[in-house]
Amino acid sequence: MTTEELARQLLQALEARGLTLATAESCTGGGIGHALTAIPGSSKTYRGGVISYTNEVKHAVLGVPQETLDAYTAVSRETAEAMARGARQVLGADAALSVTGLAGPDGDGTGRPVGLVYIGCATPHTVLVQEWRFSGSRARIRAQAVDTALKLALTAML
């Protein structure tokens, strides 16, 4: 399924349930928001997103606790969860997707592999975070993260 098809299905599922969605993106740099807003009528359900590329934005805008960033780093399950919760709150959405990871070509100096990505989905009742290991070029890792986030949200909405 293409990114466009995934985005269209997610928007339709959200609209059918009367739900709204927000995004908090780091390594995808707005790719999820781009995919969603490419679909006409997306404003019925997509509230917007935050590209939180730095720790300062993750903390100041999304409310990721500094202690979380210090203890676990930006690329962690804990940060992805806090980003998703923060996006829901800041953007007033029913659900939120978050993505944080290492798209390369270089790592972050911690020895964690390029392609390590955490994707979170916050709903009114829970937050699900999944760890992924993508491979390929920077562009390929980012594209895989966008598609996987859309699939995760679709699963959570169904």
N, C-alpha and C. Protein backbone atom coordinates (compact mmCIF):
# COMPACT_ATOMS: atom_id res chain seq x y z
N MET A 1 0.85 -1.18 0.00
CA MET A 1 0.00 0.00 0.00
C MET A 1 0.89 1.24 0.00
N THR A 2 0.55 2.23 -0.80
CA THR A 2 1.36 3.44 -0.88
C THR A 2 1.12 4.34 0.34
N THR A 3 2.03 5.29 0.52
CA THR A 3 1.88 6.26 1.59
C THR A 3 0.57 7.02 1.44
N GLU A 4 0.24 7.39 0.23
CA GLU A 4 -1.01 8.12 -0.02
C GLU A 4 -2.22 7.29 0.37
N GLU A 5 -2.20 6.02 0.03
CA GLU A 5 -3.33 5.14 0.38
C GLU A 5 -3.44 4.97 1.89
N LEU A 6 -2.30 4.83 2.56
CA LEU A 6 -2.31 4.71 4.02
C LEU A 6 -2.88 5.97 4.66
N ALA A 7 -2.42 7.14 4.19
CA ALA A 7 -2.90 8.40 4.74
C ALA A 7 -4.40 8.56 4.51
N ARG A 8 -4.85 8.23 3.31
CA ARG A 8 -6.27 8.34 2.99
C ARG A 8 -7.11 7.42 3.89
N GLN A 9 -6.67 6.18 4.06
CA GLN A 9 -7.40 5.24 4.92
C GLN A 9 -7.44 5.72 6.36
N LEU A 10 -6.31 6.24 6.85
CA LEU A 10 -6.28 6.73 8.23
C LEU A 10 -7.24 7.89 8.40
N LEU A 11 -7.22 8.84 7.50
CA LEU A 11 -8.14 9.99 7.60
C LEU A 11 -9.59 9.54 7.55
N GLN A 12 -9.90 8.57 6.69
CA GLN A 12 -11.27 8.06 6.61
C GLN A 12 -11.68 7.36 7.91
N ALA A 13 -10.75 6.59 8.49
CA ALA A 13 -11.05 5.90 9.76
C ALA A 13 -11.27 6.91 10.87
N LEU A 14 -10.47 7.95 10.92
CA LEU A 14 -10.63 8.99 11.94
C LEU A 14 -11.97 9.70 11.77
N GLU A 15 -12.28 10.08 10.54
CA GLU A 15 -13.54 10.78 10.29
C GLU A 15 -14.74 9.91 10.64
N ALA A 16 -14.69 8.64 10.30
CA ALA A 16 -15.80 7.73 10.59
C ALA A 16 -16.05 7.62 12.10
N ARG A 17 -15.01 7.80 12.89
CA ARG A 17 -15.13 7.69 14.35
C ARG A 17 -15.24 9.04 15.03
N GLY A 18 -15.21 10.12 14.24
CA GLY A 18 -15.31 11.46 14.82
C GLY A 18 -14.10 11.85 15.64
N LEU A 19 -12.92 11.36 15.25
CA LEU A 19 -11.70 11.62 16.02
C LEU A 19 -10.76 12.54 15.27
N THR A 20 -9.90 13.22 16.02
CA THR A 20 -8.88 14.07 15.44
C THR A 20 -7.50 13.52 15.76
N LEU A 21 -6.52 13.93 14.94
CA LEU A 21 -5.15 13.44 15.06
C LEU A 21 -4.17 14.60 15.02
N ALA A 22 -3.10 14.46 15.80
CA ALA A 22 -1.97 15.40 15.77
C ALA A 22 -0.70 14.59 15.59
N THR A 23 0.39 15.24 15.21
CA THR A 23 1.66 14.55 15.06
C THR A 23 2.78 15.30 15.76
N ALA A 24 3.76 14.54 16.21
CA ALA A 24 5.01 15.07 16.77
C ALA A 24 6.13 14.30 16.08
N GLU A 25 6.84 14.98 15.22
CA GLU A 25 7.84 14.30 14.40
C GLU A 25 9.24 14.86 14.67
N SER A 26 10.18 13.95 14.69
CA SER A 26 11.58 14.35 14.78
C SER A 26 12.29 13.88 13.51
N CYS A 27 12.72 12.64 13.44
CA CYS A 27 13.53 12.19 12.30
C CYS A 27 12.77 12.20 10.98
N THR A 28 11.46 12.18 10.99
CA THR A 28 10.68 12.23 9.75
C THR A 28 10.46 13.65 9.26
N GLY A 29 10.79 14.63 10.06
CA GLY A 29 10.81 16.02 9.62
C GLY A 29 9.52 16.54 9.01
N GLY A 30 8.39 16.06 9.44
CA GLY A 30 7.11 16.52 8.90
C GLY A 30 6.55 15.63 7.82
N GLY A 31 7.17 14.50 7.58
CA GLY A 31 6.72 13.58 6.53
C GLY A 31 5.32 13.05 6.75
N ILE A 32 4.96 12.79 8.01
CA ILE A 32 3.60 12.29 8.29
C ILE A 32 2.59 13.39 8.01
N GLY A 33 2.87 14.57 8.49
CA GLY A 33 1.98 15.71 8.24
C GLY A 33 1.85 15.99 6.76
N HIS A 34 2.94 15.88 6.03
CA HIS A 34 2.91 16.09 4.59
C HIS A 34 2.00 15.07 3.92
N ALA A 35 2.15 13.80 4.30
CA ALA A 35 1.33 12.74 3.71
C ALA A 35 -0.15 12.97 4.00
N LEU A 36 -0.46 13.38 5.22
CA LEU A 36 -1.87 13.59 5.59
C LEU A 36 -2.46 14.80 4.89
N THR A 37 -1.72 15.90 4.84
CA THR A 37 -2.26 17.13 4.25
C THR A 37 -2.28 17.10 2.73
N ALA A 38 -1.66 16.09 2.12
CA ALA A 38 -1.75 15.93 0.67
C ALA A 38 -3.12 15.42 0.26
N ILE A 39 -3.89 14.91 1.22
CA ILE A 39 -5.22 14.37 0.96
C ILE A 39 -6.26 15.49 1.13
N PRO A 40 -7.04 15.79 0.10
CA PRO A 40 -8.08 16.82 0.23
C PRO A 40 -9.04 16.49 1.37
N GLY A 41 -9.37 17.50 2.14
CA GLY A 41 -10.31 17.33 3.25
C GLY A 41 -9.66 16.87 4.54
N SER A 42 -8.34 16.78 4.56
CA SER A 42 -7.65 16.28 5.75
C SER A 42 -7.89 17.17 6.97
N SER A 43 -8.23 18.42 6.75
CA SER A 43 -8.43 19.32 7.89
C SER A 43 -9.65 18.94 8.73
N LYS A 44 -10.48 18.04 8.22
CA LYS A 44 -11.61 17.57 9.03
C LYS A 44 -11.14 16.79 10.25
N THR A 45 -9.99 16.14 10.13
CA THR A 45 -9.51 15.29 11.22
C THR A 45 -8.09 15.57 11.66
N TYR A 46 -7.25 16.10 10.80
CA TYR A 46 -5.85 16.35 11.15
C TYR A 46 -5.70 17.76 11.72
N ARG A 47 -5.30 17.84 12.99
CA ARG A 47 -5.20 19.13 13.69
C ARG A 47 -3.89 19.86 13.37
N GLY A 48 -2.82 19.13 13.11
CA GLY A 48 -1.53 19.73 12.83
C GLY A 48 -0.43 18.95 13.50
N GLY A 49 0.78 19.47 13.39
CA GLY A 49 1.91 18.76 13.94
C GLY A 49 3.02 19.69 14.40
N VAL A 50 3.92 19.09 15.15
CA VAL A 50 5.12 19.77 15.64
C VAL A 50 6.32 19.00 15.13
N ILE A 51 7.21 19.69 14.43
CA ILE A 51 8.47 19.08 14.05
C ILE A 51 9.45 19.42 15.15
N SER A 52 9.66 18.47 16.04
CA SER A 52 10.48 18.70 17.23
C SER A 52 11.85 18.07 17.00
N TYR A 53 12.63 18.72 16.15
CA TYR A 53 13.91 18.16 15.73
C TYR A 53 14.99 18.28 16.81
N THR A 54 14.82 19.21 17.73
CA THR A 54 15.81 19.36 18.80
C THR A 54 15.19 19.02 20.15
N ASN A 55 16.06 18.71 21.09
CA ASN A 55 15.59 18.43 22.45
C ASN A 55 14.89 19.63 23.05
N GLU A 56 15.36 20.83 22.72
CA GLU A 56 14.75 22.04 23.26
C GLU A 56 13.29 22.16 22.86
N VAL A 57 12.97 21.82 21.61
CA VAL A 57 11.59 21.88 21.14
C VAL A 57 10.77 20.74 21.75
N LYS A 58 11.38 19.57 21.84
CA LYS A 58 10.68 18.45 22.48
C LYS A 58 10.26 18.84 23.90
N HIS A 59 11.15 19.51 24.60
CA HIS A 59 10.87 19.89 25.99
C HIS A 59 9.93 21.10 26.08
N ALA A 60 10.28 22.18 25.38
CA ALA A 60 9.54 23.44 25.53
C ALA A 60 8.15 23.40 24.90
N VAL A 61 8.00 22.74 23.78
CA VAL A 61 6.71 22.74 23.07
C VAL A 61 5.87 21.52 23.43
N LEU A 62 6.48 20.34 23.41
CA LEU A 62 5.72 19.11 23.64
C LEU A 62 5.68 18.69 25.11
N GLY A 63 6.49 19.33 25.93
CA GLY A 63 6.47 19.01 27.35
C GLY A 63 7.20 17.72 27.71
N VAL A 64 8.11 17.26 26.86
CA VAL A 64 8.91 16.08 27.22
C VAL A 64 9.78 16.48 28.40
N PRO A 65 9.68 15.78 29.52
CA PRO A 65 10.48 16.16 30.69
C PRO A 65 11.97 16.13 30.38
N GLN A 66 12.68 17.14 30.85
CA GLN A 66 14.13 17.19 30.65
C GLN A 66 14.80 15.96 31.25
N GLU A 67 14.23 15.47 32.34
CA GLU A 67 14.78 14.27 32.98
C GLU A 67 14.71 13.07 32.05
N THR A 68 13.65 12.98 31.25
CA THR A 68 13.50 11.89 30.29
C THR A 68 14.57 12.00 29.21
N LEU A 69 14.75 13.20 28.69
CA LEU A 69 15.76 13.41 27.66
C LEU A 69 17.16 13.13 28.19
N ASP A 70 17.43 13.54 29.42
CA ASP A 70 18.74 13.32 30.02
C ASP A 70 18.99 11.84 30.29
N ALA A 71 18.00 11.15 30.82
CA ALA A 71 18.18 9.76 31.21
C ALA A 71 18.11 8.78 30.04
N TYR A 72 17.23 9.04 29.07
CA TYR A 72 16.97 8.07 28.01
C TYR A 72 17.38 8.55 26.62
N THR A 73 17.66 9.81 26.45
CA THR A 73 17.98 10.50 25.20
C THR A 73 16.72 10.72 24.36
N ALA A 74 16.90 11.48 23.28
CA ALA A 74 15.78 11.79 22.40
C ALA A 74 15.28 10.57 21.65
N VAL A 75 16.17 9.62 21.41
CA VAL A 75 15.80 8.42 20.66
C VAL A 75 15.55 7.30 21.66
N SER A 76 14.32 7.28 22.16
CA SER A 76 13.97 6.28 23.18
C SER A 76 12.46 6.08 23.20
N ARG A 77 12.08 4.95 23.76
CA ARG A 77 10.67 4.63 23.96
C ARG A 77 10.01 5.70 24.84
N GLU A 78 10.72 6.10 25.89
CA GLU A 78 10.17 7.07 26.85
C GLU A 78 9.93 8.43 26.19
N THR A 79 10.85 8.85 25.33
CA THR A 79 10.68 10.13 24.65
C THR A 79 9.55 10.06 23.64
N ALA A 80 9.46 8.96 22.89
CA ALA A 80 8.35 8.81 21.93
C ALA A 80 7.00 8.86 22.63
N GLU A 81 6.92 8.23 23.80
CA GLU A 81 5.66 8.26 24.56
C GLU A 81 5.33 9.69 25.00
N ALA A 82 6.31 10.39 25.55
CA ALA A 82 6.08 11.76 26.01
C ALA A 82 5.74 12.69 24.85
N MET A 83 6.36 12.48 23.70
CA MET A 83 6.05 13.30 22.51
C MET A 83 4.60 13.10 22.08
N ALA A 84 4.15 11.85 22.05
CA ALA A 84 2.77 11.57 21.63
C ALA A 84 1.78 12.18 22.61
N ARG A 85 2.03 12.01 23.90
CA ARG A 85 1.15 12.60 24.91
C ARG A 85 1.13 14.14 24.78
N GLY A 86 2.31 14.71 24.59
CA GLY A 86 2.41 16.16 24.47
C GLY A 86 1.69 16.70 23.25
N ALA A 87 1.81 16.01 22.12
CA ALA A 87 1.13 16.46 20.90
C ALA A 87 -0.37 16.42 21.07
N ARG A 88 -0.87 15.37 21.70
CA ARG A 88 -2.32 15.29 21.97
C ARG A 88 -2.78 16.50 22.76
N GLN A 89 -2.03 16.82 23.80
CA GLN A 89 -2.42 17.91 24.69
C GLN A 89 -2.26 19.27 24.02
N VAL A 90 -1.10 19.53 23.46
CA VAL A 90 -0.80 20.84 22.88
C VAL A 90 -1.70 21.17 21.70
N LEU A 91 -2.01 20.17 20.89
CA LEU A 91 -2.80 20.40 19.69
C LEU A 91 -4.28 20.05 19.87
N GLY A 92 -4.67 19.61 21.06
CA GLY A 92 -6.06 19.35 21.35
C GLY A 92 -6.68 18.27 20.50
N ALA A 93 -5.93 17.19 20.29
CA ALA A 93 -6.41 16.10 19.44
C ALA A 93 -6.80 14.88 20.27
N ASP A 94 -7.64 14.05 19.66
CA ASP A 94 -8.03 12.80 20.32
C ASP A 94 -6.90 11.79 20.33
N ALA A 95 -6.09 11.80 19.28
CA ALA A 95 -4.98 10.86 19.15
C ALA A 95 -3.77 11.59 18.59
N ALA A 96 -2.59 11.01 18.80
CA ALA A 96 -1.37 11.61 18.26
C ALA A 96 -0.37 10.54 17.92
N LEU A 97 0.39 10.82 16.86
CA LEU A 97 1.51 9.98 16.45
C LEU A 97 2.80 10.70 16.76
N SER A 98 3.81 9.95 17.20
CA SER A 98 5.14 10.53 17.39
C SER A 98 6.18 9.63 16.75
N VAL A 99 7.25 10.26 16.27
CA VAL A 99 8.36 9.52 15.69
C VAL A 99 9.66 10.17 16.12
N THR A 100 10.58 9.36 16.62
CA THR A 100 11.91 9.83 16.96
C THR A 100 12.90 8.72 16.65
N GLY A 101 14.01 9.08 16.05
CA GLY A 101 14.96 8.03 15.68
C GLY A 101 16.21 8.56 15.03
N LEU A 102 17.01 7.61 14.54
CA LEU A 102 18.28 7.91 13.89
C LEU A 102 18.17 7.55 12.42
N ALA A 103 18.02 8.58 11.58
CA ALA A 103 17.85 8.34 10.15
C ALA A 103 19.19 8.31 9.40
N GLY A 104 20.26 8.73 10.04
CA GLY A 104 21.58 8.68 9.41
C GLY A 104 21.87 9.90 8.55
N PRO A 105 22.98 9.92 7.92
CA PRO A 105 23.86 8.77 7.74
C PRO A 105 24.72 8.45 8.97
N ASP A 106 24.82 9.37 9.91
CA ASP A 106 25.63 9.14 11.10
C ASP A 106 24.74 8.83 12.29
N GLY A 107 25.33 8.14 13.27
CA GLY A 107 24.62 7.87 14.51
C GLY A 107 24.72 9.06 15.45
N ASP A 108 24.35 8.83 16.70
CA ASP A 108 24.36 9.91 17.68
C ASP A 108 25.51 9.79 18.68
N GLY A 109 26.45 8.92 18.40
CA GLY A 109 27.60 8.77 19.27
C GLY A 109 27.39 7.82 20.44
N THR A 110 26.22 7.20 20.54
CA THR A 110 25.94 6.31 21.66
C THR A 110 26.14 4.84 21.28
N GLY A 111 26.43 4.58 20.02
CA GLY A 111 26.58 3.21 19.57
C GLY A 111 25.30 2.57 19.08
N ARG A 112 24.19 3.30 19.22
CA ARG A 112 22.93 2.77 18.71
C ARG A 112 22.95 2.86 17.18
N PRO A 113 22.31 1.91 16.52
CA PRO A 113 22.42 1.85 15.05
C PRO A 113 21.57 2.89 14.33
N VAL A 114 22.09 3.36 13.21
CA VAL A 114 21.28 4.15 12.30
C VAL A 114 20.11 3.27 11.87
N GLY A 115 18.93 3.83 11.83
CA GLY A 115 17.72 3.06 11.50
C GLY A 115 16.88 2.72 12.71
N LEU A 116 17.41 2.98 13.92
CA LEU A 116 16.64 2.77 15.14
C LEU A 116 15.59 3.87 15.25
N VAL A 117 14.32 3.49 15.30
CA VAL A 117 13.23 4.46 15.32
C VAL A 117 12.18 3.99 16.33
N TYR A 118 11.66 4.95 17.09
CA TYR A 118 10.55 4.68 18.01
C TYR A 118 9.33 5.44 17.49
N ILE A 119 8.21 4.73 17.39
CA ILE A 119 6.96 5.32 16.91
C ILE A 119 5.92 5.15 18.00
N GLY A 120 5.31 6.26 18.38
CA GLY A 120 4.29 6.23 19.43
C GLY A 120 2.94 6.63 18.89
N CYS A 121 1.91 6.07 19.49
CA CYS A 121 0.53 6.44 19.15
C CYS A 121 -0.23 6.59 20.46
N ALA A 122 -0.66 7.80 20.74
CA ALA A 122 -1.41 8.09 21.96
C ALA A 122 -2.88 8.23 21.61
N THR A 123 -3.71 7.55 22.38
CA THR A 123 -5.16 7.67 22.26
C THR A 123 -5.68 8.15 23.62
N PRO A 124 -6.97 8.41 23.74
CA PRO A 124 -7.47 8.85 25.05
C PRO A 124 -7.24 7.84 26.17
N HIS A 125 -7.00 6.57 25.80
CA HIS A 125 -6.92 5.53 26.83
C HIS A 125 -5.53 4.97 27.05
N THR A 126 -4.66 5.08 26.06
CA THR A 126 -3.35 4.44 26.19
C THR A 126 -2.34 5.07 25.25
N VAL A 127 -1.08 4.71 25.47
CA VAL A 127 -0.02 5.07 24.53
C VAL A 127 0.73 3.80 24.18
N LEU A 128 0.81 3.53 22.90
CA LEU A 128 1.55 2.38 22.39
C LEU A 128 2.82 2.90 21.74
N VAL A 129 3.96 2.33 22.09
CA VAL A 129 5.23 2.70 21.46
C VAL A 129 5.87 1.43 20.93
N GLN A 130 6.33 1.50 19.69
CA GLN A 130 7.01 0.37 19.07
C GLN A 130 8.42 0.78 18.66
N GLU A 131 9.34 -0.16 18.80
CA GLU A 131 10.72 0.04 18.36
C GLU A 131 10.91 -0.63 17.01
N TRP A 132 11.56 0.07 16.11
CA TRP A 132 11.81 -0.45 14.77
C TRP A 132 13.27 -0.30 14.42
N ARG A 133 13.75 -1.17 13.54
CA ARG A 133 15.10 -1.11 12.98
C ARG A 133 14.95 -1.09 11.47
N PHE A 134 15.01 0.09 10.89
CA PHE A 134 14.88 0.23 9.45
C PHE A 134 16.28 0.26 8.84
N SER A 135 16.34 -0.02 7.55
CA SER A 135 17.64 -0.01 6.87
C SER A 135 17.52 0.76 5.56
N GLY A 136 18.69 1.06 5.02
CA GLY A 136 18.74 1.78 3.76
C GLY A 136 19.28 3.19 3.94
N SER A 137 19.06 4.00 2.94
CA SER A 137 19.52 5.39 2.97
C SER A 137 18.70 6.20 3.97
N ARG A 138 19.15 7.40 4.24
CA ARG A 138 18.42 8.32 5.12
C ARG A 138 16.98 8.49 4.62
N ALA A 139 16.84 8.72 3.32
CA ALA A 139 15.50 8.92 2.74
C ALA A 139 14.65 7.67 2.91
N ARG A 140 15.25 6.51 2.73
CA ARG A 140 14.50 5.25 2.86
C ARG A 140 14.06 5.01 4.30
N ILE A 141 14.94 5.28 5.25
CA ILE A 141 14.60 5.12 6.67
C ILE A 141 13.44 6.04 7.03
N ARG A 142 13.51 7.28 6.58
CA ARG A 142 12.44 8.23 6.88
C ARG A 142 11.12 7.79 6.25
N ALA A 143 11.16 7.32 5.00
CA ALA A 143 9.94 6.87 4.32
C ALA A 143 9.34 5.66 5.03
N GLN A 144 10.19 4.73 5.45
CA GLN A 144 9.70 3.56 6.18
C GLN A 144 9.05 3.98 7.50
N ALA A 145 9.65 4.96 8.18
CA ALA A 145 9.10 5.43 9.45
C ALA A 145 7.73 6.08 9.24
N VAL A 146 7.57 6.87 8.20
CA VAL A 146 6.28 7.51 7.90
C VAL A 146 5.22 6.44 7.65
N ASP A 147 5.51 5.49 6.77
CA ASP A 147 4.54 4.45 6.44
C ASP A 147 4.18 3.62 7.67
N THR A 148 5.18 3.28 8.47
CA THR A 148 4.93 2.46 9.65
C THR A 148 4.10 3.22 10.68
N ALA A 149 4.34 4.51 10.83
CA ALA A 149 3.54 5.32 11.75
C ALA A 149 2.09 5.38 11.30
N LEU A 150 1.86 5.56 10.01
CA LEU A 150 0.49 5.59 9.49
C LEU A 150 -0.20 4.24 9.71
N LYS A 151 0.53 3.15 9.52
CA LYS A 151 -0.04 1.81 9.75
C LYS A 151 -0.37 1.62 11.24
N LEU A 152 0.52 2.08 12.11
CA LEU A 152 0.28 1.95 13.54
C LEU A 152 -0.98 2.72 13.95
N ALA A 153 -1.11 3.93 13.42
CA ALA A 153 -2.31 4.72 13.74
C ALA A 153 -3.56 4.06 13.20
N LEU A 154 -3.48 3.52 12.00
CA LEU A 154 -4.64 2.82 11.43
C LEU A 154 -5.05 1.64 12.31
N THR A 155 -4.08 0.88 12.76
CA THR A 155 -4.36 -0.24 13.65
C THR A 155 -5.00 0.22 14.95
N ALA A 156 -4.49 1.31 15.50
CA ALA A 156 -5.01 1.83 16.76
C ALA A 156 -6.43 2.37 16.60
N MET A 157 -6.78 2.86 15.41
CA MET A 157 -8.09 3.44 15.18
C MET A 157 -9.15 2.39 14.87
N LEU A 158 -8.73 1.19 14.46
CA LEU A 158 -9.69 0.15 14.06
C LEU A 158 -10.10 -0.74 15.20
